[in-house]
Amino acid sequence: MTIISLKGINLLKSFQSPIGCTRFSLVVNIFLFILKMMAGIFGRSQALIADALNSLLDIVANIVVWFGINISKRPPDSDHPYGHGNADNLAAIFVALVLFITGAYIGRESIHAIVNREFQTPTFLATAAAAVTILIKESLYWYTLKIGRKFKSAAVIANAYDHRSDVIVSVGVLIGIVVAQTRFPILDPIAGLWVAFFILKQGIKIIRENIQTLMVVSPGTRFESDVRGFISGMDGVVDVVWLKSRIVGARYFIDTAIQVNSDVSVYEGHEIATRVRHAVSSKYPDVFDILVHVEPDR
């Protein structure tokens, strides 16, 4: 019993990490793809089949996020002195591109169905599958977002927003299916257009956010001002001459120049700089490294 309990605890802990979260999302997306494809075919719903294709590409995106997270965890090396953190952002951008391609394809197929009047009245099997998808995906959204924010993983957060877009999509699909069952079967492919619109919108949002990070963006003036004030108040520091920071993946890197009393020795100046590095790293867990340049107070 004890061994079984420990295995259960370890399994739960594994789900509380970016890798574990991505694995779980992958398994859920495989299940939903099969569910929606079968229900779409046998339930005669083009919108649900379109939603199933969305889940299929979610599976591809999950695999890419998995690789991206593993690469981003690699330590710095001679070719990547600031680490491999941006692999996380590249994986997020790939997720967005997958969303964009999926949205464009679904939109095209839906317009084709409307123009050629290729639609049928969906059955209640399609209704049930859409409702189950909404419940599962909404739960998956909150779980994935929590893990992504906890570990500051752009790829996992992008995955969470993908889950949320899937919820909005499935709500539109459900409404379209229900109305199509009553009187207007054309609303089933129109629901497919709803699917396409939200997928494209989410993809564009993720691309914009992560491209900004890849352009070496700062954590923000508020963060830099707070760090400057903290360093300025340390013993031995006369002033902070300048401070620059940048984001690499989920980590912050800081370069700063401090002024010390002009009559302190080189050794003492080095000790002050070392204390600054350790103090900033302890106070701000997101700071992976800080380079401190020492200047004399003139």
Protein backbone atom coordinates (compact mmCIF):
# COMPACT_ATOMS: atom_id res chain seq x y z
CA MET A 1 0.00 0.00 0.00
CA THR A 2 2.84 2.38 0.87
CA ILE A 3 4.58 1.75 -2.46
CA ILE A 4 1.34 2.34 -4.36
CA SER A 5 0.72 5.55 -2.40
CA LEU A 6 4.24 6.84 -3.14
CA LYS A 7 3.81 6.10 -6.83
CA GLY A 8 0.53 7.99 -6.80
CA ILE A 9 2.14 10.98 -5.08
CA ASN A 10 5.05 10.99 -7.55
CA LEU A 11 2.60 10.81 -10.46
CA LEU A 12 0.66 13.81 -9.15
CA LYS A 13 3.90 15.75 -8.65
CA SER A 14 4.96 15.01 -12.24
CA PHE A 15 1.80 16.78 -13.45
CA GLN A 16 2.89 19.94 -11.59
CA SER A 17 5.72 20.68 -14.02
CA PRO A 18 5.81 22.11 -17.57
CA ILE A 19 6.81 18.73 -19.01
CA GLY A 20 4.18 16.81 -17.03
CA CYS A 21 1.53 19.37 -17.93
CA THR A 22 2.41 19.11 -21.63
CA ARG A 23 2.30 15.31 -21.53
CA PHE A 24 -1.13 15.41 -19.91
CA SER A 25 -2.37 17.93 -22.49
CA LEU A 26 -1.08 15.67 -25.26
CA VAL A 27 -3.02 12.67 -23.94
CA VAL A 28 -6.21 14.73 -23.53
CA ASN A 29 -5.91 16.19 -27.05
CA ILE A 30 -5.48 12.70 -28.55
CA PHE A 31 -8.65 11.59 -26.73
CA LEU A 32 -10.59 14.67 -27.88
CA PHE A 33 -9.42 14.31 -31.47
CA ILE A 34 -10.77 10.73 -31.62
CA LEU A 35 -13.99 11.72 -29.82
CA LYS A 36 -14.75 14.73 -32.04
CA MET A 37 -13.77 13.07 -35.32
CA MET A 38 -15.95 10.02 -34.66
CA ALA A 39 -18.85 12.13 -33.35
CA GLY A 40 -18.48 14.55 -36.28
CA ILE A 41 -18.58 11.78 -38.87
CA PHE A 42 -21.37 9.69 -37.32
CA GLY A 43 -23.16 12.77 -35.95
CA ARG A 44 -23.07 14.50 -39.38
CA SER A 45 -21.46 17.75 -38.14
CA GLN A 46 -18.93 19.62 -40.31
CA ALA A 47 -18.27 22.03 -37.47
CA LEU A 48 -17.29 19.19 -35.13
CA ILE A 49 -15.02 17.64 -37.78
CA ALA A 50 -13.35 21.06 -38.14
CA ASP A 51 -12.95 21.15 -34.36
CA ALA A 52 -11.40 17.65 -34.51
CA LEU A 53 -8.80 18.93 -37.00
CA ASN A 54 -8.06 21.67 -34.49
CA SER A 55 -7.36 18.98 -31.87
CA LEU A 56 -5.14 17.09 -34.31
CA LEU A 57 -2.91 20.12 -34.76
CA ASP A 58 -3.03 20.70 -31.00
CA ILE A 59 -1.34 17.31 -30.71
CA VAL A 60 1.44 18.47 -33.05
CA ALA A 61 1.75 21.71 -31.07
CA ASN A 62 2.01 19.79 -27.77
CA ILE A 63 4.89 17.73 -29.14
CA VAL A 64 6.73 20.87 -30.27
CA VAL A 65 6.15 22.54 -26.88
CA TRP A 66 7.55 19.41 -25.23
CA PHE A 67 10.77 19.68 -27.26
CA GLY A 68 10.94 23.44 -26.70
CA ILE A 69 10.73 23.09 -22.92
CA ASN A 70 13.44 20.40 -22.88
CA ILE A 71 15.78 22.55 -24.99
CA SER A 72 15.13 25.68 -22.89
CA LYS A 73 16.26 23.81 -19.74
CA ARG A 74 19.75 23.18 -21.12
CA PRO A 75 22.51 25.12 -19.31
CA PRO A 76 24.49 27.91 -21.02
CA ASP A 77 27.34 26.82 -23.30
CA SER A 78 29.98 28.45 -25.51
CA ASP A 79 27.50 29.00 -28.36
CA HIS A 80 24.64 30.12 -26.08
CA PRO A 81 26.19 32.01 -23.13
CA TYR A 82 22.76 33.24 -22.01
CA GLY A 83 21.24 29.76 -22.09
CA HIS A 84 18.59 28.26 -24.36
CA GLY A 85 15.54 29.97 -22.84
CA ASN A 86 14.30 31.42 -26.13
CA ALA A 87 13.60 27.89 -27.39
CA ASP A 88 10.50 28.18 -25.19
CA ASN A 89 9.38 31.27 -27.10
CA LEU A 90 10.14 29.66 -30.46
CA ALA A 91 7.95 26.72 -29.47
CA ALA A 92 5.17 29.16 -28.54
CA ILE A 93 5.48 30.85 -31.94
CA PHE A 94 5.22 27.45 -33.63
CA VAL A 95 2.03 26.78 -31.66
CA ALA A 96 0.68 30.09 -32.97
CA LEU A 97 1.61 29.25 -36.57
CA VAL A 98 -0.15 25.90 -36.21
CA LEU A 99 -3.23 27.76 -34.95
CA PHE A 100 -3.04 30.19 -37.86
CA ILE A 101 -2.79 27.44 -40.50
CA THR A 102 -5.60 25.48 -38.84
CA GLY A 103 -7.86 28.54 -38.71
CA ALA A 104 -7.24 29.36 -42.37
CA TYR A 105 -7.98 25.79 -43.47
CA ILE A 106 -11.15 25.48 -41.40
CA GLY A 107 -12.38 28.86 -42.67
CA ARG A 108 -11.81 27.81 -46.27
CA GLU A 109 -13.64 24.51 -45.82
CA SER A 110 -16.57 26.20 -44.06
CA ILE A 111 -16.99 28.81 -46.81
CA HIS A 112 -16.84 26.04 -49.42
CA ALA A 113 -19.62 24.13 -47.61
CA ILE A 114 -21.82 27.25 -47.36
CA VAL A 115 -21.35 28.27 -51.01
CA ASN A 116 -22.00 24.75 -52.31
CA ARG A 117 -24.74 24.07 -49.74
CA GLU A 118 -22.95 20.93 -48.55
CA PHE A 119 -24.42 20.65 -45.06
CA GLN A 120 -26.57 18.18 -43.13
CA THR A 121 -28.58 18.24 -39.93
CA PRO A 122 -26.30 17.08 -37.05
CA THR A 123 -27.44 14.41 -34.59
CA PHE A 124 -27.42 14.51 -30.78
CA LEU A 125 -24.16 12.54 -30.78
CA ALA A 126 -22.46 15.68 -32.07
CA THR A 127 -24.16 17.75 -29.35
CA ALA A 128 -22.89 15.48 -26.58
CA ALA A 129 -19.33 15.45 -27.94
CA ALA A 130 -19.22 19.27 -28.16
CA ALA A 131 -20.51 19.61 -24.58
CA VAL A 132 -17.94 17.13 -23.22
CA THR A 133 -15.17 18.97 -25.08
CA ILE A 134 -16.12 22.29 -23.45
CA LEU A 135 -15.96 20.85 -19.93
CA ILE A 136 -12.63 19.09 -20.49
CA LYS A 137 -10.94 21.99 -22.27
CA GLU A 138 -12.01 24.61 -19.73
CA SER A 139 -10.54 22.49 -16.92
CA LEU A 140 -7.37 21.95 -18.96
CA TYR A 141 -7.07 25.71 -19.57
CA TRP A 142 -6.98 26.61 -15.87
CA TYR A 143 -4.60 23.77 -15.04
CA THR A 144 -2.17 24.61 -17.87
CA LEU A 145 -2.28 28.36 -17.19
CA LYS A 146 -1.46 27.76 -13.51
CA ILE A 147 1.61 25.65 -14.42
CA GLY A 148 2.72 28.09 -17.14
CA ARG A 149 2.58 31.09 -14.80
CA LYS A 150 4.21 29.20 -11.95
CA PHE A 151 7.24 28.27 -14.07
CA LYS A 152 7.04 31.36 -16.34
CA SER A 153 6.98 29.17 -19.45
CA ALA A 154 5.87 31.05 -22.58
CA ALA A 155 5.22 27.80 -24.42
CA VAL A 156 2.99 26.36 -21.67
CA ILE A 157 1.10 29.66 -21.34
CA ALA A 158 0.61 29.68 -25.13
CA ASN A 159 -0.72 26.14 -24.80
CA ALA A 160 -3.14 27.31 -22.11
CA TYR A 161 -4.50 30.09 -24.34
CA ASP A 162 -4.86 27.50 -27.08
CA HIS A 163 -7.06 25.50 -24.70
CA ARG A 164 -9.14 28.61 -23.96
CA SER A 165 -9.59 29.33 -27.68
CA ASP A 166 -10.72 25.71 -28.03
CA VAL A 167 -13.37 26.33 -25.37
CA ILE A 168 -14.70 29.39 -27.22
CA VAL A 169 -14.59 27.43 -30.46
CA SER A 170 -16.49 24.49 -28.98
CA VAL A 171 -19.14 26.79 -27.49
CA GLY A 172 -19.71 28.21 -30.98
CA VAL A 173 -19.79 24.68 -32.41
CA LEU A 174 -22.33 23.57 -29.79
CA ILE A 175 -24.61 26.53 -30.48
CA GLY A 176 -24.34 25.95 -34.23
CA ILE A 177 -25.12 22.25 -33.87
CA VAL A 178 -28.13 22.82 -31.59
CA VAL A 179 -29.64 25.47 -33.87
CA ALA A 180 -28.86 23.38 -36.97
CA GLN A 181 -30.78 20.50 -35.39
CA THR A 182 -33.90 22.61 -35.04
CA ARG A 183 -34.38 24.40 -38.36
CA PHE A 184 -31.26 25.86 -40.00
CA PRO A 185 -28.61 23.23 -40.93
CA ILE A 186 -26.54 25.97 -42.61
CA LEU A 187 -25.56 27.13 -39.13
CA ASP A 188 -23.33 24.06 -38.76
CA PRO A 189 -20.73 25.28 -41.34
CA ILE A 190 -21.27 28.84 -40.09
CA ALA A 191 -20.15 27.54 -36.69
CA GLY A 192 -17.07 26.29 -38.53
CA LEU A 193 -16.33 29.89 -39.53
CA TRP A 194 -16.63 30.83 -35.84
CA VAL A 195 -14.02 28.18 -35.12
CA ALA A 196 -11.70 29.62 -37.76
CA PHE A 197 -12.05 33.24 -36.56
CA PHE A 198 -11.10 32.55 -32.94
CA ILE A 199 -8.24 30.25 -33.86
CA LEU A 200 -6.74 32.93 -36.13
CA LYS A 201 -7.23 35.61 -33.47
CA GLN A 202 -5.47 33.54 -30.79
CA GLY A 203 -2.61 32.65 -33.12
CA ILE A 204 -1.91 36.30 -33.95
CA LYS A 205 -1.94 37.24 -30.25
CA ILE A 206 0.61 34.54 -29.32
CA ILE A 207 2.92 35.46 -32.22
CA ARG A 208 2.95 39.16 -31.25
CA GLU A 209 3.71 38.45 -27.59
CA ASN A 210 6.59 36.05 -28.23
CA ILE A 211 8.23 37.96 -31.08
CA GLN A 212 8.52 40.89 -28.69
CA THR A 213 10.43 38.67 -26.23
CA LEU A 214 12.75 37.39 -28.98
CA MET A 215 13.57 41.03 -29.79
CA VAL A 216 15.33 41.17 -26.36
CA VAL A 217 12.68 43.07 -24.47
CA SER A 218 13.21 44.46 -20.96
CA PRO A 219 11.19 43.15 -17.99
CA GLY A 220 9.98 46.75 -17.67
CA THR A 221 10.96 50.11 -16.20
CA ARG A 222 9.13 49.34 -12.97
CA PHE A 223 11.23 46.22 -12.40
CA GLU A 224 14.48 48.03 -13.27
CA SER A 225 13.62 50.96 -10.99
CA ASP A 226 12.91 48.57 -8.12
CA VAL A 227 16.25 46.77 -8.61
CA ARG A 228 18.13 50.10 -8.82
CA GLY A 229 16.59 51.24 -5.55
CA PHE A 230 17.46 47.94 -3.87
CA ILE A 231 21.11 48.08 -5.00
CA SER A 232 21.45 51.76 -4.08
CA GLY A 233 20.52 50.97 -0.48
CA MET A 234 23.24 48.35 -0.02
CA ASP A 235 26.33 48.96 2.12
CA GLY A 236 29.30 50.17 0.12
CA VAL A 237 27.26 51.30 -2.89
CA VAL A 238 27.38 55.06 -3.44
CA ASP A 239 25.14 55.10 -6.50
CA VAL A 240 23.90 53.05 -9.44
CA VAL A 241 25.31 54.66 -12.59
CA TRP A 242 23.22 52.65 -15.03
CA LEU A 243 21.24 49.41 -15.17
CA LYS A 244 19.98 47.38 -18.13
CA SER A 245 17.97 44.15 -18.12
CA ARG A 246 16.66 41.69 -20.69
CA ILE A 247 14.46 38.61 -20.82
CA VAL A 248 15.79 35.33 -22.22
CA GLY A 249 13.04 32.72 -22.09
CA ALA A 250 11.72 32.77 -18.53
CA ARG A 251 14.93 34.24 -17.08
CA TYR A 252 16.10 37.80 -16.45
CA PHE A 253 19.66 38.99 -17.09
CA ILE A 254 20.95 42.27 -15.63
CA ASP A 255 24.00 44.43 -16.43
CA THR A 256 24.72 47.32 -14.09
CA ALA A 257 27.45 49.77 -13.07
CA ILE A 258 27.77 50.85 -9.45
CA GLN A 259 29.84 53.58 -7.85
CA VAL A 260 31.91 52.86 -4.75
CA ASN A 261 34.09 55.10 -2.62
CA SER A 262 37.21 56.02 -4.62
CA ASP A 263 39.61 55.08 -1.81
CA VAL A 264 38.48 51.45 -1.45
CA SER A 265 40.86 48.75 -2.71
CA VAL A 266 40.25 46.62 -5.78
CA TYR A 267 39.59 43.67 -3.49
CA GLU A 268 36.99 45.62 -1.47
CA GLY A 269 35.30 46.80 -4.67
CA HIS A 270 35.12 43.21 -5.87
CA GLU A 271 33.59 42.12 -2.55
CA ILE A 272 30.92 44.82 -2.81
CA ALA A 273 30.07 43.71 -6.35
CA THR A 274 29.85 40.08 -5.19
CA ARG A 275 27.47 41.03 -2.38
CA VAL A 276 25.31 42.93 -4.88
CA ARG A 277 25.14 39.89 -7.19
CA HIS A 278 24.15 37.50 -4.39
CA ALA A 279 21.65 39.91 -2.84
CA VAL A 280 19.86 40.65 -6.13
CA SER A 281 19.72 36.95 -7.06
CA SER A 282 18.24 36.12 -3.63
CA LYS A 283 15.63 38.89 -3.68
CA TYR A 284 14.59 38.42 -7.32
CA PRO A 285 14.31 34.66 -8.13
CA ASP A 286 13.67 35.40 -11.82
CA VAL A 287 17.16 36.92 -12.18
CA PHE A 288 19.41 34.20 -13.56
CA ASP A 289 22.59 36.28 -13.76
CA ILE A 290 23.78 39.82 -13.04
CA LEU A 291 26.98 41.46 -14.24
CA VAL A 292 28.21 44.22 -11.92
CA HIS A 293 30.73 46.80 -13.16
CA VAL A 294 32.47 48.86 -10.43
CA GLU A 295 33.37 52.54 -10.88
CA PRO A 296 35.04 54.93 -8.41
CA ASP A 297 33.08 57.77 -6.85
CA ARG A 298 34.64 60.95 -8.26
